[in-house]
Amino acid sequence: MVDRADSDAGRDVWEWDPEFLAARRDAWKILAFFVVALAWVIPSAMWLGYDGAAFGPAPQGDTATTTMLGFPTWVVWSVALPWLVADVAILWFCWRRIARKDAGHTARKES
């Protein structure tokens, strides 16, 4: 039988900190919210902002820009709304999911 101390003598043996693993997992979830919002913004801004001109011929004639709250309508629906929804979802995730997790502070032993 090989003693673990003898077999691991030449290399460092360490484990990932559970707090680090939880933080990394939560960061990936927050990044997913960001990616979903980005996936909405790019095509919708291209479609709504150019009246579909990015995918075909440009519209002819006078095209008046409608506004909503002083912003062009396409900016509200394709930029402001998805980022507002993503911000609210991320804040909810941070306040409800991350804040309630036990980070392992009580289970850690002093060495």
Foldseek 3Di string as FASTA:
>chain_A
DDDPCVVCVVDDDDDDQLLVVVVVVLVVVLVVLVVVLVVQQVVLCVCVVQVNCVVHPGDDDDDDFDDDPRHGPSCVVRPVVSVVVSVVVSVCCCVPPVVPDDSCPVVDDDD
